[in-house]
Protein backbone atom coordinates (compact mmCIF):
# COMPACT_ATOMS: atom_id res chain seq x y z
CA MET A 1 0.00 0.00 0.00
CA CYS A 2 1.36 3.41 -0.93
CA TYR A 3 0.69 5.96 1.78
CA TYR A 4 0.45 9.62 0.94
CA ALA A 5 4.03 10.87 0.92
CA GLY A 6 3.06 14.46 1.68
CA MET A 7 1.64 13.65 5.09
CA SER A 8 3.00 15.31 8.17
CA LYS A 9 1.28 15.85 11.50
CA ASN A 10 0.28 19.33 10.28
CA THR A 11 -1.04 18.03 6.95
CA VAL A 12 -3.75 15.90 8.58
CA PRO A 13 -5.95 18.84 9.66
CA TYR A 14 -5.00 20.70 6.47
CA LEU A 15 -6.24 17.83 4.26
CA SER A 16 -9.47 17.59 6.25
CA ARG A 17 -10.04 21.34 6.10
CA LYS A 18 -9.18 21.58 2.39
CA LEU A 19 -11.48 18.69 1.53
CA ALA A 20 -14.34 20.32 3.47
CA GLU A 21 -13.70 23.65 1.68
CA LEU A 22 -13.79 22.00 -1.74
CA LEU A 23 -17.02 20.16 -0.93
CA ALA A 24 -18.66 23.34 0.38
CA ALA A 25 -17.57 25.35 -2.67
CA ARG A 26 -19.27 22.79 -4.92
CA GLY A 27 -22.28 22.26 -2.70
CA TRP A 28 -21.42 18.55 -2.54
CA THR A 29 -21.98 16.13 0.30
CA ALA A 30 -19.64 13.31 1.27
CA TYR A 31 -22.11 10.98 -0.45
CA ARG A 32 -21.88 12.92 -3.71
CA LEU A 33 -18.08 12.85 -3.55
CA ALA A 34 -18.23 9.11 -2.87
CA ALA A 35 -20.38 8.57 -5.94
CA GLU A 36 -18.11 10.72 -8.11
CA SER A 37 -14.80 9.32 -6.81
CA GLY A 38 -15.52 5.70 -6.02
CA VAL A 39 -14.21 6.24 -2.48
CA ASP A 40 -16.49 4.88 0.24
CA ALA A 41 -18.60 7.57 1.93
CA SER A 42 -17.54 6.36 5.39
CA THR A 43 -13.88 6.81 4.40
CA ILE A 44 -14.63 10.34 3.24
CA GLY A 45 -16.45 11.02 6.50
CA ARG A 46 -13.43 9.83 8.48
CA LEU A 47 -11.13 11.98 6.34
CA LEU A 48 -13.33 15.02 6.93
CA SER A 49 -13.21 14.44 10.68
CA GLY A 50 -9.45 13.94 10.58
CA GLU A 51 -9.88 10.44 11.96
CA ARG A 52 -8.31 8.66 9.01
CA ALA A 53 -6.35 11.37 7.22
CA HIS A 54 -3.04 10.13 8.67
CA SER A 55 -3.34 6.81 6.82
CA VAL A 56 -4.87 7.92 3.54
CA THR A 57 -3.34 6.34 0.45
CA LEU A 58 -2.17 8.21 -2.59
CA ARG A 59 -4.75 6.26 -4.60
CA THR A 60 -7.55 7.66 -2.41
CA VAL A 61 -6.23 11.22 -2.59
CA ALA A 62 -5.88 10.91 -6.38
CA ALA A 63 -9.46 9.63 -6.72
CA LEU A 64 -10.79 12.50 -4.60
CA ALA A 65 -8.74 15.05 -6.54
CA ALA A 66 -9.92 13.67 -9.89
CA ALA A 67 -13.57 13.78 -8.82
CA LEU A 68 -13.16 17.35 -7.58
CA LYS A 69 -11.18 18.28 -10.72
CA VAL A 70 -8.20 19.58 -8.76
CA SER A 71 -4.58 18.47 -8.57
CA VAL A 72 -3.37 16.15 -5.83
CA GLU A 73 -0.99 18.90 -4.72
CA ILE A 74 -3.91 21.00 -3.46
CA PHE A 75 -4.07 18.62 -0.48
CA LEU A 76 -0.46 19.29 0.46
CA GLU A 77 0.14 21.87 3.12
CA LYS A 78 1.88 24.79 1.44
CA SER A 79 3.74 26.01 4.50
CA SER A 80 3.56 25.80 8.27
CA GLY A 81 1.81 29.20 8.23
CA ASN A 82 -1.18 27.77 6.32
CA GLN A 83 -3.46 26.87 9.21
């Protein structure tokens, strides 16, 4: 399994926050993102809560990014000041 190489302890809340922002901007629910990405809705829910973000795989991040039509890099924390 290939874990997301960009993960740090600060990236976990950043990924969760960024995912929530992208969903809100599109007016999507976790269920809509699940349908569009093929990622289980419960996994998305855990990512949104930060519960599972530390163990997310690159494959999952890529599927979410593709469904949201953004690059994978958008989920990387840009700097330690981005909180």
